Amino acid sequence: MTTEIILNEDKIKGRIYTIRDLQVMFDEDLAELYNVKTKVLNQAVKRNIERFPSNFMFQLTEKEYGILKSQIVTSSLQHGGRRISPYAFTEQGVAMLYRAIDELKDTDLIITEDGLKLTDAGKIARL
């Protein structure tokens, strides 16, 4: 059985950041969108690390993470913080992550209202 998660564009826009001149989403935000724990998401990445070259995903440096913490407050920071810097996923990384998570869970992600649609092939298509 396939579950569809439908999100509005504003919910996604608020989770896209520019780091290293790239638009990225963080592992914690993607885990919430995919309805899995961040730990599970990161384990799926580690099991499929060959699918995630540096232009798909990277881990924030301590300096980048410090700047991020000073600019925004994420739920993990409110609940004791993270032990490691977050992973950042580019658009291509988000598509590949969908495929890795899909191996764990049968989910289609559809972002509505002129947003993005993650198709079964793991490609992002503009609506």
N, C-alpha and C. Protein backbone atom coordinates (compact mmCIF):
# COMPACT_ATOMS: atom_id res chain seq x y z
N MET A 1 0.84 -1.18 0.00
CA MET A 1 0.00 0.00 0.00
C MET A 1 0.88 1.24 0.00
N THR A 2 0.60 2.18 -0.85
CA THR A 2 1.36 3.42 -0.97
C THR A 2 0.66 4.52 -0.20
N THR A 3 1.44 5.28 0.57
CA THR A 3 0.92 6.43 1.30
C THR A 3 1.43 7.67 0.62
N GLU A 4 0.54 8.63 0.37
CA GLU A 4 0.96 9.90 -0.22
C GLU A 4 1.02 10.95 0.86
N ILE A 5 2.10 11.71 0.85
CA ILE A 5 2.25 12.83 1.76
C ILE A 5 2.11 14.08 0.91
N ILE A 6 1.12 14.90 1.20
CA ILE A 6 0.91 16.10 0.41
C ILE A 6 1.25 17.30 1.27
N LEU A 7 2.15 18.12 0.76
CA LEU A 7 2.63 19.29 1.49
C LEU A 7 2.41 20.54 0.66
N ASN A 8 2.15 21.65 1.30
CA ASN A 8 2.05 22.87 0.53
C ASN A 8 3.42 23.48 0.35
N GLU A 9 3.53 24.36 -0.61
CA GLU A 9 4.81 24.95 -1.00
C GLU A 9 5.45 25.72 0.15
N ASP A 10 4.66 26.42 0.95
CA ASP A 10 5.21 27.21 2.05
C ASP A 10 5.93 26.33 3.07
N LYS A 11 5.40 25.14 3.29
CA LYS A 11 6.04 24.24 4.26
C LYS A 11 7.42 23.81 3.77
N ILE A 12 7.58 23.65 2.47
CA ILE A 12 8.87 23.27 1.89
C ILE A 12 9.81 24.47 1.86
N LYS A 13 9.34 25.61 1.39
CA LYS A 13 10.19 26.80 1.26
C LYS A 13 10.86 27.17 2.58
N GLY A 14 10.15 27.00 3.68
CA GLY A 14 10.70 27.32 4.98
C GLY A 14 11.80 26.37 5.42
N ARG A 15 12.01 25.31 4.68
CA ARG A 15 13.01 24.31 5.04
C ARG A 15 14.16 24.24 4.04
N ILE A 16 14.20 25.17 3.13
CA ILE A 16 15.29 25.21 2.15
C ILE A 16 16.25 26.32 2.56
N TYR A 17 17.52 25.96 2.65
CA TYR A 17 18.56 26.90 3.07
C TYR A 17 19.62 26.98 1.99
N THR A 18 20.34 28.09 1.97
CA THR A 18 21.46 28.24 1.05
C THR A 18 22.75 28.12 1.85
N ILE A 19 23.50 27.09 1.56
CA ILE A 19 24.79 26.83 2.20
C ILE A 19 25.77 26.46 1.10
N ARG A 20 26.95 27.06 1.15
CA ARG A 20 27.98 26.84 0.13
C ARG A 20 27.45 27.17 -1.26
N ASP A 21 26.60 28.17 -1.33
CA ASP A 21 25.97 28.60 -2.58
C ASP A 21 25.08 27.53 -3.20
N LEU A 22 24.61 26.59 -2.40
CA LEU A 22 23.70 25.54 -2.85
C LEU A 22 22.42 25.61 -2.04
N GLN A 23 21.29 25.34 -2.69
CA GLN A 23 20.04 25.23 -1.95
C GLN A 23 19.93 23.81 -1.45
N VAL A 24 19.73 23.67 -0.13
CA VAL A 24 19.74 22.36 0.49
C VAL A 24 18.59 22.24 1.49
N MET A 25 18.31 21.00 1.83
CA MET A 25 17.41 20.68 2.94
C MET A 25 18.18 19.78 3.89
N PHE A 26 17.89 19.91 5.20
CA PHE A 26 18.61 19.16 6.21
C PHE A 26 17.96 17.81 6.49
N ASP A 27 18.79 16.89 6.95
CA ASP A 27 18.33 15.54 7.24
C ASP A 27 17.14 15.52 8.19
N GLU A 28 17.16 16.35 9.20
CA GLU A 28 16.07 16.38 10.17
C GLU A 28 14.75 16.79 9.53
N ASP A 29 14.78 17.81 8.67
CA ASP A 29 13.57 18.26 7.99
C ASP A 29 13.06 17.20 7.02
N LEU A 30 13.98 16.58 6.29
CA LEU A 30 13.58 15.54 5.34
C LEU A 30 13.01 14.33 6.06
N ALA A 31 13.59 13.98 7.20
CA ALA A 31 13.07 12.86 7.98
C ALA A 31 11.62 13.13 8.39
N GLU A 32 11.37 14.36 8.80
CA GLU A 32 10.00 14.71 9.19
C GLU A 32 9.05 14.62 7.99
N LEU A 33 9.50 15.11 6.84
CA LEU A 33 8.66 15.06 5.64
C LEU A 33 8.39 13.63 5.19
N TYR A 34 9.41 12.77 5.32
CA TYR A 34 9.27 11.37 4.91
C TYR A 34 8.65 10.52 6.01
N ASN A 35 8.38 11.14 7.17
CA ASN A 35 7.75 10.46 8.30
C ASN A 35 8.60 9.30 8.82
N VAL A 36 9.90 9.55 8.94
CA VAL A 36 10.83 8.60 9.56
C VAL A 36 11.68 9.36 10.56
N LYS A 37 12.34 8.65 11.44
CA LYS A 37 13.26 9.29 12.39
C LYS A 37 14.53 9.70 11.65
N THR A 38 15.15 10.77 12.12
CA THR A 38 16.40 11.24 11.50
C THR A 38 17.45 10.13 11.51
N LYS A 39 17.51 9.38 12.57
CA LYS A 39 18.46 8.27 12.68
C LYS A 39 18.23 7.24 11.58
N VAL A 40 16.98 6.93 11.31
CA VAL A 40 16.63 5.96 10.26
C VAL A 40 17.03 6.51 8.89
N LEU A 41 16.76 7.79 8.66
CA LEU A 41 17.13 8.41 7.40
C LEU A 41 18.64 8.34 7.19
N ASN A 42 19.41 8.71 8.21
CA ASN A 42 20.86 8.70 8.09
C ASN A 42 21.41 7.28 7.93
N GLN A 43 20.77 6.30 8.54
CA GLN A 43 21.18 4.91 8.34
C GLN A 43 20.95 4.47 6.91
N ALA A 44 19.83 4.90 6.33
CA ALA A 44 19.55 4.56 4.93
C ALA A 44 20.61 5.16 4.02
N VAL A 45 21.05 6.38 4.34
CA VAL A 45 22.11 7.02 3.55
C VAL A 45 23.41 6.23 3.68
N LYS A 46 23.77 5.87 4.90
CA LYS A 46 25.02 5.14 5.12
C LYS A 46 25.02 3.79 4.41
N ARG A 47 23.87 3.14 4.36
CA ARG A 47 23.79 1.85 3.66
C ARG A 47 23.91 2.02 2.14
N ASN A 48 23.63 3.22 1.66
CA ASN A 48 23.65 3.51 0.22
C ASN A 48 24.60 4.66 -0.09
N ILE A 49 25.69 4.78 0.64
CA ILE A 49 26.56 5.94 0.54
C ILE A 49 27.09 6.17 -0.87
N GLU A 50 27.24 5.12 -1.66
CA GLU A 50 27.74 5.27 -3.03
C GLU A 50 26.76 6.05 -3.91
N ARG A 51 25.52 6.16 -3.49
CA ARG A 51 24.52 6.93 -4.23
C ARG A 51 24.56 8.42 -3.91
N PHE A 52 25.38 8.82 -2.94
CA PHE A 52 25.37 10.20 -2.45
C PHE A 52 26.75 10.85 -2.57
N PRO A 53 27.14 11.23 -3.80
CA PRO A 53 28.41 11.96 -3.94
C PRO A 53 28.29 13.34 -3.29
N SER A 54 29.39 14.04 -3.18
CA SER A 54 29.42 15.32 -2.47
C SER A 54 28.52 16.39 -3.09
N ASN A 55 28.17 16.25 -4.37
CA ASN A 55 27.25 17.23 -4.96
C ASN A 55 25.79 16.87 -4.69
N PHE A 56 25.53 15.74 -4.03
CA PHE A 56 24.18 15.34 -3.63
C PHE A 56 23.96 15.60 -2.13
N MET A 57 25.03 15.43 -1.33
CA MET A 57 24.91 15.50 0.11
C MET A 57 26.26 15.84 0.73
N PHE A 58 26.23 16.61 1.81
CA PHE A 58 27.46 16.88 2.56
C PHE A 58 27.06 17.15 4.01
N GLN A 59 28.04 16.99 4.88
CA GLN A 59 27.81 17.28 6.29
C GLN A 59 28.34 18.68 6.59
N LEU A 60 27.59 19.45 7.35
CA LEU A 60 28.01 20.79 7.71
C LEU A 60 29.27 20.73 8.57
N THR A 61 30.17 21.69 8.38
CA THR A 61 31.34 21.80 9.24
C THR A 61 30.87 22.34 10.59
N GLU A 62 31.74 22.25 11.59
CA GLU A 62 31.39 22.79 12.91
C GLU A 62 31.10 24.29 12.82
N LYS A 63 31.87 24.99 12.01
CA LYS A 63 31.67 26.44 11.85
C LYS A 63 30.30 26.72 11.21
N GLU A 64 29.98 26.00 10.12
CA GLU A 64 28.68 26.19 9.46
C GLU A 64 27.54 25.87 10.42
N TYR A 65 27.70 24.81 11.19
CA TYR A 65 26.66 24.41 12.14
C TYR A 65 26.50 25.47 13.23
N GLY A 66 27.61 26.05 13.68
CA GLY A 66 27.54 27.10 14.68
C GLY A 66 26.79 28.32 14.17
N ILE A 67 27.06 28.70 12.92
CA ILE A 67 26.35 29.82 12.30
C ILE A 67 24.87 29.50 12.17
N LEU A 68 24.57 28.29 11.73
CA LEU A 68 23.18 27.86 11.59
C LEU A 68 22.45 27.93 12.92
N LYS A 69 23.07 27.43 13.97
CA LYS A 69 22.43 27.44 15.30
C LYS A 69 22.17 28.85 15.78
N SER A 70 23.05 29.78 15.41
CA SER A 70 22.86 31.17 15.86
C SER A 70 21.76 31.87 15.07
N GLN A 71 21.42 31.35 13.88
CA GLN A 71 20.43 32.02 13.03
C GLN A 71 19.04 31.43 13.14
N ILE A 72 18.95 30.13 13.41
CA ILE A 72 17.64 29.49 13.49
C ILE A 72 17.59 28.60 14.72
N VAL A 73 16.39 28.28 15.13
CA VAL A 73 16.20 27.35 16.23
C VAL A 73 15.42 26.17 15.67
N THR A 74 16.07 25.00 15.66
CA THR A 74 15.37 23.81 15.18
C THR A 74 14.88 23.01 16.37
N SER A 75 13.97 22.10 16.13
CA SER A 75 13.39 21.33 17.22
C SER A 75 14.46 20.52 17.95
N SER A 76 15.45 20.01 17.25
CA SER A 76 16.47 19.23 17.94
C SER A 76 17.30 20.10 18.87
N LEU A 77 17.48 21.37 18.50
CA LEU A 77 18.23 22.28 19.36
C LEU A 77 17.43 22.57 20.62
N GLN A 78 16.12 22.59 20.52
CA GLN A 78 15.28 22.86 21.67
C GLN A 78 15.22 21.66 22.61
N HIS A 79 15.51 20.50 22.12
CA HIS A 79 15.42 19.28 22.92
C HIS A 79 16.79 18.66 23.18
N GLY A 80 17.77 19.48 23.52
CA GLY A 80 19.06 18.95 23.92
C GLY A 80 20.12 18.96 22.84
N GLY A 81 19.76 19.30 21.63
CA GLY A 81 20.76 19.42 20.56
C GLY A 81 21.15 18.10 19.91
N ARG A 82 21.93 18.24 18.86
CA ARG A 82 22.42 17.09 18.10
C ARG A 82 23.83 16.78 18.55
N ARG A 83 24.23 15.55 18.34
CA ARG A 83 25.60 15.15 18.66
C ARG A 83 26.52 15.34 17.47
N ILE A 84 25.95 15.35 16.28
CA ILE A 84 26.75 15.54 15.07
C ILE A 84 26.13 16.65 14.24
N SER A 85 26.94 17.25 13.39
CA SER A 85 26.42 18.28 12.48
C SER A 85 25.44 17.65 11.51
N PRO A 86 24.43 18.39 11.11
CA PRO A 86 23.43 17.83 10.19
C PRO A 86 24.00 17.59 8.80
N TYR A 87 23.35 16.70 8.09
CA TYR A 87 23.66 16.47 6.68
C TYR A 87 22.74 17.37 5.86
N ALA A 88 23.28 17.92 4.79
CA ALA A 88 22.53 18.78 3.89
C ALA A 88 22.40 18.07 2.55
N PHE A 89 21.21 18.07 1.97
CA PHE A 89 20.93 17.38 0.72
C PHE A 89 20.53 18.38 -0.35
N THR A 90 21.18 18.33 -1.50
CA THR A 90 20.81 19.15 -2.64
C THR A 90 19.56 18.55 -3.28
N GLU A 91 19.04 19.20 -4.30
CA GLU A 91 17.84 18.69 -4.97
C GLU A 91 18.06 17.27 -5.48
N GLN A 92 19.24 17.02 -6.05
CA GLN A 92 19.55 15.67 -6.54
C GLN A 92 19.65 14.69 -5.37
N GLY A 93 20.19 15.17 -4.26
CA GLY A 93 20.29 14.32 -3.07
C GLY A 93 18.93 13.98 -2.49
N VAL A 94 18.00 14.94 -2.53
CA VAL A 94 16.64 14.69 -2.05
C VAL A 94 15.99 13.59 -2.89
N ALA A 95 16.18 13.65 -4.20
CA ALA A 95 15.62 12.62 -5.08
C ALA A 95 16.24 11.25 -4.79
N MET A 96 17.55 11.22 -4.60
CA MET A 96 18.21 9.96 -4.31
C MET A 96 17.82 9.44 -2.93
N LEU A 97 17.65 10.36 -2.00
CA LEU A 97 17.23 9.97 -0.66
C LEU A 97 15.86 9.32 -0.68
N TYR A 98 14.99 9.84 -1.51
CA TYR A 98 13.67 9.24 -1.67
C TYR A 98 13.80 7.76 -2.04
N ARG A 99 14.70 7.48 -2.95
CA ARG A 99 14.89 6.09 -3.38
C ARG A 99 15.42 5.22 -2.24
N ALA A 100 16.35 5.77 -1.46
CA ALA A 100 16.91 5.02 -0.33
C ALA A 100 15.84 4.77 0.74
N ILE A 101 15.05 5.80 1.03
CA ILE A 101 13.98 5.66 2.03
C ILE A 101 12.90 4.73 1.51
N ASP A 102 12.63 4.81 0.21
CA ASP A 102 11.59 3.98 -0.39
C ASP A 102 11.88 2.50 -0.20
N GLU A 103 13.15 2.16 -0.09
CA GLU A 103 13.51 0.77 0.17
C GLU A 103 13.06 0.34 1.56
N LEU A 104 12.95 1.33 2.46
CA LEU A 104 12.50 1.04 3.83
C LEU A 104 10.99 1.18 3.97
N LYS A 105 10.41 2.04 3.16
CA LYS A 105 9.02 2.42 3.35
C LYS A 105 8.41 2.76 2.01
N ASP A 106 7.20 2.38 1.77
CA ASP A 106 6.54 2.63 0.50
C ASP A 106 5.80 3.96 0.56
N THR A 107 6.46 5.05 0.18
CA THR A 107 5.87 6.39 0.27
C THR A 107 6.12 7.17 -1.01
N ASP A 108 5.14 7.91 -1.48
CA ASP A 108 5.28 8.86 -2.58
C ASP A 108 5.16 10.25 -1.98
N LEU A 109 6.09 11.11 -2.30
CA LEU A 109 6.04 12.48 -1.81
C LEU A 109 5.58 13.39 -2.94
N ILE A 110 4.50 14.10 -2.72
CA ILE A 110 3.98 15.02 -3.72
C ILE A 110 3.87 16.39 -3.05
N ILE A 111 4.49 17.37 -3.63
CA ILE A 111 4.45 18.73 -3.11
C ILE A 111 3.56 19.53 -4.04
N THR A 112 2.51 20.09 -3.52
CA THR A 112 1.49 20.70 -4.36
C THR A 112 1.68 22.20 -4.50
N GLU A 113 0.74 22.82 -5.22
CA GLU A 113 0.68 24.27 -5.42
C GLU A 113 1.96 24.81 -6.04
N ASP A 114 2.22 24.42 -7.29
CA ASP A 114 3.39 24.86 -8.04
C ASP A 114 4.70 24.48 -7.37
N GLY A 115 4.68 23.39 -6.64
CA GLY A 115 5.88 22.92 -5.96
C GLY A 115 6.58 21.85 -6.77
N LEU A 116 7.13 20.88 -6.09
CA LEU A 116 7.85 19.79 -6.71
C LEU A 116 7.09 18.50 -6.50
N LYS A 117 7.25 17.58 -7.40
CA LYS A 117 6.64 16.27 -7.25
C LYS A 117 7.75 15.24 -7.36
N LEU A 118 7.89 14.42 -6.35
CA LEU A 118 8.87 13.36 -6.37
C LEU A 118 8.19 12.14 -6.96
N THR A 119 8.61 11.76 -8.15
CA THR A 119 7.93 10.69 -8.86
C THR A 119 8.48 9.34 -8.42
N ASP A 120 7.81 8.27 -8.88
CA ASP A 120 8.24 6.93 -8.53
C ASP A 120 9.65 6.63 -8.98
N ALA A 121 10.08 7.26 -10.05
CA ALA A 121 11.43 7.05 -10.57
C ALA A 121 12.48 7.80 -9.76
N GLY A 122 12.04 8.53 -8.73
CA GLY A 122 12.98 9.26 -7.90
C GLY A 122 13.44 10.56 -8.52
N LYS A 123 12.72 11.05 -9.53
CA LYS A 123 13.09 12.30 -10.19
C LYS A 123 12.19 13.40 -9.69
N ILE A 124 12.73 14.59 -9.64
CA ILE A 124 11.93 15.74 -9.23
C ILE A 124 11.42 16.42 -10.49
N ALA A 125 10.12 16.61 -10.56
CA ALA A 125 9.52 17.25 -11.74
C ALA A 125 8.79 18.51 -11.28
N ARG A 126 8.93 19.55 -12.04
CA ARG A 126 8.21 20.79 -11.74
C ARG A 126 6.77 20.60 -12.16
N LEU A 127 5.86 21.07 -11.32
CA LEU A 127 4.42 20.99 -11.65
C LEU A 127 4.01 22.23 -12.39
